[in-house]
PDB file of N, CA and C in Angstrom:
ATOM      1  N   ILE A   1       0.827  -1.197   0.000  1.00  0.00           N
ATOM      2  CA  ILE A   1       0.000   0.000   0.000  1.00  0.00           C
ATOM      3  C   ILE A   1       0.874   1.266   0.000  1.00  0.00           C
ATOM      4  N   TYR A   2       1.967   1.280   0.764  1.00  0.00           N
ATOM      5  CA  TYR A   2       2.755   2.504   0.876  1.00  0.00           C
ATOM      6  C   TYR A   2       3.527   2.830  -0.397  1.00  0.00           C
ATOM      7  N   GLY A   3       3.894   1.832  -1.173  1.00  0.00           N
ATOM      8  CA  GLY A   3       4.642   2.083  -2.394  1.00  0.00           C
ATOM      9  C   GLY A   3       3.786   2.521  -3.574  1.00  0.00           C
ATOM     10  N   THR A   4       2.485   2.534  -3.396  1.00  0.00           N
ATOM     11  CA  THR A   4       1.587   2.892  -4.492  1.00  0.00           C
ATOM     12  C   THR A   4       1.895   4.266  -5.058  1.00  0.00           C
ATOM     13  N   CYS A   5       2.251   5.199  -4.200  1.00  0.00           N
ATOM     14  CA  CYS A   5       2.497   6.566  -4.671  1.00  0.00           C
ATOM     15  C   CYS A   5       3.752   6.675  -5.529  1.00  0.00           C
ATOM     16  N   ASP A   6       4.561   5.641  -5.574  1.00  0.00           N
ATOM     17  CA  ASP A   6       5.768   5.661  -6.402  1.00  0.00           C
ATOM     18  C   ASP A   6       5.552   5.046  -7.786  1.00  0.00           C
ATOM     19  N   CYS A   7       4.348   4.579  -8.075  1.00  0.00           N
ATOM     20  CA  CYS A   7       4.059   3.994  -9.385  1.00  0.00           C
ATOM     21  C   CYS A   7       4.053   5.085 -10.455  1.00  0.00           C
ATOM     22  N   PRO A   8       4.567   4.784 -11.644  1.00  0.00           N
ATOM     23  CA  PRO A   8       4.549   5.770 -12.729  1.00  0.00           C
ATOM     24  C   PRO A   8       3.119   6.212 -13.051  1.00  0.00           C
ATOM     25  N   GLY A   9       2.923   7.499 -13.193  1.00  0.00           N
ATOM     26  CA  GLY A   9       1.613   8.031 -13.547  1.00  0.00           C
ATOM     27  C   GLY A   9       0.655   8.190 -12.393  1.00  0.00           C
ATOM     28  N   PHE A  10       1.087   7.860 -11.175  1.00  0.00           N
ATOM     29  CA  PHE A  10       0.191   7.911 -10.015  1.00  0.00           C
ATOM     30  C   PHE A  10      -0.437   9.290  -9.841  1.00  0.00           C
ATOM     31  N   ASP A  11       0.376  10.341  -9.898  1.00  0.00           N
ATOM     32  CA  ASP A  11      -0.136  11.694  -9.661  1.00  0.00           C
ATOM     33  C   ASP A  11      -1.182  12.082 -10.705  1.00  0.00           C
ATOM     34  N   HIS A  12      -0.906  11.796 -11.971  1.00  0.00           N
ATOM     35  CA  HIS A  12      -1.884  12.085 -13.024  1.00  0.00           C
ATOM     36  C   HIS A  12      -3.166  11.274 -12.824  1.00  0.00           C
ATOM     37  N   ASP A  13      -3.030  10.017 -12.436  1.00  0.00           N
ATOM     38  CA  ASP A  13      -4.206   9.170 -12.217  1.00  0.00           C
ATOM     39  C   ASP A  13      -5.093   9.730 -11.114  1.00  0.00           C
ATOM     40  N   ILE A  14      -4.487  10.151 -10.019  1.00  0.00           N
ATOM     41  CA  ILE A  14      -5.255  10.699  -8.898  1.00  0.00           C
ATOM     42  C   ILE A  14      -5.977  11.976  -9.317  1.00  0.00           C
ATOM     43  N   ILE A  15      -5.306  12.818 -10.081  1.00  0.00           N
ATOM     44  CA  ILE A  15      -5.924  14.057 -10.559  1.00  0.00           C
ATOM     45  C   ILE A  15      -7.121  13.733 -11.454  1.00  0.00           C
ATOM     46  N   GLU A  16      -6.966  12.788 -12.357  1.00  0.00           N
ATOM     47  CA  GLU A  16      -8.067  12.411 -13.250  1.00  0.00           C
ATOM     48  C   GLU A  16      -9.257  11.855 -12.472  1.00  0.00           C
ATOM     49  N   VAL A  17      -8.995  11.026 -11.476  1.00  0.00           N
ATOM     50  CA  VAL A  17     -10.080  10.482 -10.654  1.00  0.00           C
ATOM     51  C   VAL A  17     -10.789  11.607  -9.909  1.00  0.00           C
ATOM     52  N   ALA A  18     -10.029  12.541  -9.360  1.00  0.00           N
ATOM     53  CA  ALA A  18     -10.628  13.660  -8.630  1.00  0.00           C
ATOM     54  C   ALA A  18     -11.498  14.512  -9.548  1.00  0.00           C
ATOM     55  N   VAL A  19     -11.014  14.799 -10.743  1.00  0.00           N
ATOM     56  CA  VAL A  19     -11.805  15.575 -11.702  1.00  0.00           C
ATOM     57  C   VAL A  19     -13.080  14.816 -12.064  1.00  0.00           C
ATOM     58  N   HIS A  20     -12.943  13.543 -12.346  1.00  0.00           N
ATOM     59  CA  HIS A  20     -14.085  12.722 -12.761  1.00  0.00           C
ATOM     60  C   HIS A  20     -15.157  12.630 -11.676  1.00  0.00           C
ATOM     61  N   THR A  21     -14.734  12.551 -10.421  1.00  0.00           N
ATOM     62  CA  THR A  21     -15.688  12.399  -9.315  1.00  0.00           C
ATOM     63  C   THR A  21     -16.100  13.725  -8.693  1.00  0.00           C
ATOM     64  N   GLY A  22     -15.431  14.807  -9.088  1.00  0.00           N
ATOM     65  CA  GLY A  22     -15.800  16.125  -8.579  1.00  0.00           C
ATOM     66  C   GLY A  22     -15.341  16.398  -7.158  1.00  0.00           C
ATOM     67  N   VAL A  23     -14.205  15.856  -6.776  1.00  0.00           N
ATOM     68  CA  VAL A  23     -13.687  16.092  -5.427  1.00  0.00           C
ATOM     69  C   VAL A  23     -12.315  16.757  -5.496  1.00  0.00           C
ATOM     70  N   GLY A  24     -11.960  17.423  -4.429  1.00  0.00           N
ATOM     71  CA  GLY A  24     -10.615  17.967  -4.280  1.00  0.00           C
ATOM     72  C   GLY A  24      -9.852  17.128  -3.279  1.00  0.00           C
ATOM     73  N   PHE A  25      -8.536  17.305  -3.246  1.00  0.00           N
ATOM     74  CA  PHE A  25      -7.742  16.532  -2.296  1.00  0.00           C
ATOM     75  C   PHE A  25      -6.494  17.299  -1.886  1.00  0.00           C
ATOM     76  N   TYR A  26      -5.895  16.846  -0.804  1.00  0.00           N
ATOM     77  CA  TYR A  26      -4.638  17.388  -0.303  1.00  0.00           C
ATOM     78  C   TYR A  26      -3.536  16.415  -0.700  1.00  0.00           C
ATOM     79  N   ALA A  27      -2.617  16.872  -1.534  1.00  0.00           N
ATOM     80  CA  ALA A  27      -1.528  16.007  -1.993  1.00  0.00           C
ATOM     81  C   ALA A  27      -0.481  15.879  -0.882  1.00  0.00           C
ATOM     82  N   LEU A  28      -0.006  14.680  -0.667  1.00  0.00           N
ATOM     83  CA  LEU A  28       0.985  14.415   0.371  1.00  0.00           C
ATOM     84  C   LEU A  28       2.290  13.960  -0.262  1.00  0.00           C
ATOM     85  N   ILE A  29       3.365  14.666   0.046  1.00  0.00           N
ATOM     86  CA  ILE A  29       4.704  14.200  -0.312  1.00  0.00           C
ATOM     87  C   ILE A  29       5.172  13.376   0.879  1.00  0.00           C
ATOM     88  N   TRP A  30       5.132  12.069   0.714  1.00  0.00           N
ATOM     89  CA  TRP A  30       5.383  11.153   1.821  1.00  0.00           C
ATOM     90  C   TRP A  30       6.873  10.986   2.056  1.00  0.00           C
ATOM     91  N   PHE A  31       7.313  11.180   3.305  1.00  0.00           N
ATOM     92  CA  PHE A  31       8.720  11.005   3.664  1.00  0.00           C
ATOM     93  C   PHE A  31       9.106   9.540   3.778  1.00  0.00           C
ATOM     94  N   GLY A  32       8.151   8.681   4.073  1.00  0.00           N
ATOM     95  CA  GLY A  32       8.444   7.261   4.239  1.00  0.00           C
ATOM     96  C   GLY A  32       8.909   6.950   5.649  1.00  0.00           C
ATOM     97  N   PHE A  33       9.215   5.682   5.874  1.00  0.00           N
ATOM     98  CA  PHE A  33       9.622   5.222   7.200  1.00  0.00           C
ATOM     99  C   PHE A  33      11.098   4.878   7.282  1.00  0.00           C
ATOM    100  N   ASP A  34      11.825   4.913   6.156  1.00  0.00           N
ATOM    101  CA  ASP A  34      13.195   4.415   6.126  1.00  0.00           C
ATOM    102  C   ASP A  34      14.269   5.475   6.323  1.00  0.00           C
ATOM    103  N   GLY A  35      13.897   6.752   6.340  1.00  0.00           N
ATOM    104  CA  GLY A  35      14.890   7.809   6.484  1.00  0.00           C
ATOM    105  C   GLY A  35      15.696   8.054   5.217  1.00  0.00           C
ATOM    106  N   ASP A  36      15.219   7.531   4.082  1.00  0.00           N
ATOM    107  CA  ASP A  36      15.946   7.744   2.828  1.00  0.00           C
ATOM    108  C   ASP A  36      15.511   9.067   2.183  1.00  0.00           C
ATOM    109  N   ASP A  37      15.999   9.326   0.983  1.00  0.00           N
ATOM    110  CA  ASP A  37      15.659  10.592   0.334  1.00  0.00           C
ATOM    111  C   ASP A  37      14.728  10.405  -0.869  1.00  0.00           C
ATOM    112  N   LYS A  38      13.943   9.337  -0.869  1.00  0.00           N
ATOM    113  CA  LYS A  38      12.974   9.126  -1.949  1.00  0.00           C
ATOM    114  C   LYS A  38      11.945  10.252  -2.013  1.00  0.00           C
ATOM    115  N   TRP A  39      11.725  10.934  -0.888  1.00  0.00           N
ATOM    116  CA  TRP A  39      10.748  12.010  -0.871  1.00  0.00           C
ATOM    117  C   TRP A  39      11.130  13.122  -1.844  1.00  0.00           C
ATOM    118  N   LYS A  40      12.431  13.285  -2.099  1.00  0.00           N
ATOM    119  CA  LYS A  40      12.871  14.323  -3.036  1.00  0.00           C
ATOM    120  C   LYS A  40      12.389  14.018  -4.452  1.00  0.00           C
ATOM    121  N   THR A  41      12.423  12.752  -4.830  1.00  0.00           N
ATOM    122  CA  THR A  41      11.910  12.345  -6.139  1.00  0.00           C
ATOM    123  C   THR A  41      10.401  12.531  -6.191  1.00  0.00           C
ATOM    124  N   ARG A  42       9.711  12.160  -5.116  1.00  0.00           N
ATOM    125  CA  ARG A  42       8.255  12.338  -5.058  1.00  0.00           C
ATOM    126  C   ARG A  42       7.895  13.814  -5.177  1.00  0.00           C
ATOM    127  N   LYS A  43       8.646  14.663  -4.489  1.00  0.00           N
ATOM    128  CA  LYS A  43       8.398  16.107  -4.542  1.00  0.00           C
ATOM    129  C   LYS A  43       8.597  16.639  -5.955  1.00  0.00           C
ATOM    130  N   ALA A  44       9.700  16.290  -6.580  1.00  0.00           N
ATOM    131  CA  ALA A  44       9.991  16.769  -7.937  1.00  0.00           C
ATOM    132  C   ALA A  44       8.918  16.308  -8.918  1.00  0.00           C
ATOM    133  N   ARG A  45       8.500  15.046  -8.793  1.00  0.00           N
ATOM    134  CA  ARG A  45       7.476  14.510  -9.692  1.00  0.00           C
ATOM    135  C   ARG A  45       6.144  15.231  -9.506  1.00  0.00           C
ATOM    136  N   LEU A  46       5.745  15.446  -8.251  1.00  0.00           N
ATOM    137  CA  LEU A  46       4.481  16.123  -7.986  1.00  0.00           C
ATOM    138  C   LEU A  46       4.520  17.566  -8.474  1.00  0.00           C
ATOM    139  N   LEU A  47       5.612  18.266  -8.228  1.00  0.00           N
ATOM    140  CA  LEU A  47       5.708  19.651  -8.690  1.00  0.00           C
ATOM    141  C   LEU A  47       5.652  19.741 -10.208  1.00  0.00           C
ATOM    142  N   LYS A  48       6.247  18.781 -10.886  1.00  0.00           N
ATOM    143  CA  LYS A  48       6.192  18.754 -12.352  1.00  0.00           C
ATOM    144  C   LYS A  48       4.748  18.580 -12.824  1.00  0.00           C
ATOM    145  N   VAL A  49       4.016  17.687 -12.176  1.00  0.00           N
ATOM    146  CA  VAL A  49       2.613  17.467 -12.528  1.00  0.00           C
ATOM    147  C   VAL A  49       1.788  18.713 -12.232  1.00  0.00           C
ATOM    148  N   ILE A  50       2.030  19.342 -11.093  1.00  0.00           N
ATOM    149  CA  ILE A  50       1.293  20.556 -10.734  1.00  0.00           C
ATOM    150  C   ILE A  50       1.504  21.646 -11.780  1.00  0.00           C
ATOM    151  N   GLN A  51       2.715  21.762 -12.277  1.00  0.00           N
ATOM    152  CA  GLN A  51       3.026  22.797 -13.259  1.00  0.00           C
ATOM    153  C   GLN A  51       2.517  22.459 -14.656  1.00  0.00           C
ATOM    154  N   SER A  52       2.312  21.192 -14.964  1.00  0.00           N
ATOM    155  CA  SER A  52       1.983  20.812 -16.340  1.00  0.00           C
ATOM    156  C   SER A  52       0.532  20.398 -16.571  1.00  0.00           C
ATOM    157  N   ASN A  53      -0.187  20.016 -15.530  1.00  0.00           N
ATOM    158  CA  ASN A  53      -1.551  19.526 -15.709  1.00  0.00           C
ATOM    159  C   ASN A  53      -2.546  20.667 -15.478  1.00  0.00           C
ATOM    160  N   PRO A  54      -3.302  21.070 -16.504  1.00  0.00           N
ATOM    161  CA  PRO A  54      -4.217  22.205 -16.363  1.00  0.00           C
ATOM    162  C   PRO A  54      -5.400  21.949 -15.429  1.00  0.00           C
ATOM    163  N   LYS A  55      -5.623  20.712 -15.031  1.00  0.00           N
ATOM    164  CA  LYS A  55      -6.743  20.387 -14.141  1.00  0.00           C
ATOM    165  C   LYS A  55      -6.393  20.564 -12.664  1.00  0.00           C
ATOM    166  N   VAL A  56      -5.117  20.699 -12.367  1.00  0.00           N
ATOM    167  CA  VAL A  56      -4.647  20.765 -10.979  1.00  0.00           C
ATOM    168  C   VAL A  56      -5.345  21.843 -10.144  1.00  0.00           C
ATOM    169  N   PRO A  57      -5.515  23.071 -10.637  1.00  0.00           N
ATOM    170  CA  PRO A  57      -6.140  24.097  -9.791  1.00  0.00           C
ATOM    171  C   PRO A  57      -7.554  23.747  -9.334  1.00  0.00           C
ATOM    172  N   TYR A  58      -8.196  22.827 -10.016  1.00  0.00           N
ATOM    173  CA  TYR A  58      -9.566  22.460  -9.677  1.00  0.00           C
ATOM    174  C   TYR A  58      -9.661  21.321  -8.671  1.00  0.00           C
ATOM    175  N   VAL A  59      -8.553  20.633  -8.425  1.00  0.00           N
ATOM    176  CA  VAL A  59      -8.648  19.471  -7.531  1.00  0.00           C
ATOM    177  C   VAL A  59      -7.636  19.454  -6.387  1.00  0.00           C
ATOM    178  N   ILE A  60      -6.434  19.966  -6.578  1.00  0.00           N
ATOM    179  CA  ILE A  60      -5.459  19.966  -5.481  1.00  0.00           C
ATOM    180  C   ILE A  60      -5.698  21.198  -4.621  1.00  0.00           C
ATOM    181  N   ARG A  61      -6.022  20.974  -3.364  1.00  0.00           N
ATOM    182  CA  ARG A  61      -6.309  22.067  -2.428  1.00  0.00           C
ATOM    183  C   ARG A  61      -5.044  22.577  -1.750  1.00  0.00           C
ATOM    184  N   ALA A  62      -4.121  21.682  -1.478  1.00  0.00           N
ATOM    185  CA  ALA A  62      -2.859  22.041  -0.823  1.00  0.00           C
ATOM    186  C   ALA A  62      -1.896  20.873  -0.987  1.00  0.00           C
ATOM    187  N   VAL A  63      -0.627  21.153  -0.744  1.00  0.00           N
ATOM    188  CA  VAL A  63       0.394  20.110  -0.756  1.00  0.00           C
ATOM    189  C   VAL A  63       0.981  20.032   0.642  1.00  0.00           C
ATOM    190  N   LYS A  64       1.068  18.828   1.181  1.00  0.00           N
ATOM    191  CA  LYS A  64       1.581  18.598   2.527  1.00  0.00           C
ATOM    192  C   LYS A  64       2.816  17.717   2.434  1.00  0.00           C
ATOM    193  N   CYS A  65       3.806  18.030   3.214  1.00  0.00           N
ATOM    194  CA  CYS A  65       4.994  17.182   3.328  1.00  0.00           C
ATOM    195  C   CYS A  65       4.969  16.534   4.700  1.00  0.00           C
ATOM    196  N   GLY A  66       5.190  15.231   4.750  1.00  0.00           N
ATOM    197  CA  GLY A  66       5.167  14.574   6.041  1.00  0.00           C
ATOM    198  C   GLY A  66       5.463  13.096   5.944  1.00  0.00           C
ATOM    199  N   SER A  67       5.378  12.453   7.091  1.00  0.00           N
ATOM    200  CA  SER A  67       5.716  11.038   7.143  1.00  0.00           C
ATOM    201  C   SER A  67       4.516  10.142   6.906  1.00  0.00           C
ATOM    202  N   LYS A  68       3.320  10.647   7.153  1.00  0.00           N
ATOM    203  CA  LYS A  68       2.143   9.808   6.972  1.00  0.00           C
ATOM    204  C   LYS A  68       0.885  10.622   7.207  1.00  0.00           C
ATOM    205  N   PRO A  69      -0.252  10.145   6.708  1.00  0.00           N
ATOM    206  CA  PRO A  69      -1.510  10.788   7.046  1.00  0.00           C
ATOM    207  C   PRO A  69      -1.870  10.519   8.508  1.00  0.00           C
ATOM    208  N   LEU A  70      -2.678  11.353   9.070  1.00  0.00           N
ATOM    209  CA  LEU A  70      -3.088  11.177  10.464  1.00  0.00           C
ATOM    210  C   LEU A  70      -4.052  10.005  10.624  1.00  0.00           C
ATOM    211  N   PHE A  71      -3.969   9.385  11.759  1.00  0.00           N
ATOM    212  CA  PHE A  71      -4.931   8.381  12.215  1.00  0.00           C
ATOM    213  C   PHE A  71      -5.066   7.174  11.289  1.00  0.00           C
ATOM    214  N   ASP A  72      -3.932   6.690  10.752  1.00  0.00           N
ATOM    215  CA  ASP A  72      -3.988   5.443   9.994  1.00  0.00           C
ATOM    216  C   ASP A  72      -3.609   4.256  10.871  1.00  0.00           C
ATOM    217  N   MET A  73      -3.405   4.511  12.161  1.00  0.00           N
ATOM    218  CA  MET A  73      -3.135   3.497  13.187  1.00  0.00           C
ATOM    219  C   MET A  73      -1.782   2.812  13.039  1.00  0.00           C
ATOM    220  N   VAL A  74      -0.861   3.401  12.260  1.00  0.00           N
ATOM    221  CA  VAL A  74       0.493   2.860  12.178  1.00  0.00           C
ATOM    222  C   VAL A  74       1.248   3.198  13.452  1.00  0.00           C
ATOM    223  N   LEU A  75       1.056   4.388  13.972  1.00  0.00           N
ATOM    224  CA  LEU A  75       1.682   4.821  15.220  1.00  0.00           C
ATOM    225  C   LEU A  75       0.604   5.013  16.274  1.00  0.00           C
ATOM    226  N   PRO A  76       0.948   4.840  17.543  1.00  0.00           N
ATOM    227  CA  PRO A  76      -0.052   5.055  18.588  1.00  0.00           C
ATOM    228  C   PRO A  76      -0.460   6.526  18.659  1.00  0.00           C
ATOM    229  N   ILE A  77      -1.690   6.787  19.030  1.00  0.00           N
ATOM    230  CA  ILE A  77      -2.204   8.151  19.118  1.00  0.00           C
ATOM    231  C   ILE A  77      -1.548   8.907  20.264  1.00  0.00           C
ATOM    232  N   ASP A  78      -1.122   8.216  21.305  1.00  0.00           N
ATOM    233  CA  ASP A  78      -0.477   8.868  22.444  1.00  0.00           C
ATOM    234  C   ASP A  78       0.747   9.556  21.944  1.00  0.00           C
TER     235      ASP A  78
END
């Protein structure tokens, strides 16, 4: 599940789904759990899509950088 965002075309696919369903979303540049620098590639890829896809202003509400979405139960809430 966590590697899904690294699949080729992922960002474009998510944008197309959002446009098709009429929803907006918050894009996450995931840092991962390994302490590596893959997030830099994810950031560059997302920024390229943001700059090149004319549908982006209608669906991406904000871009967040972080290690994970909240409340997915990977880490304890405490």
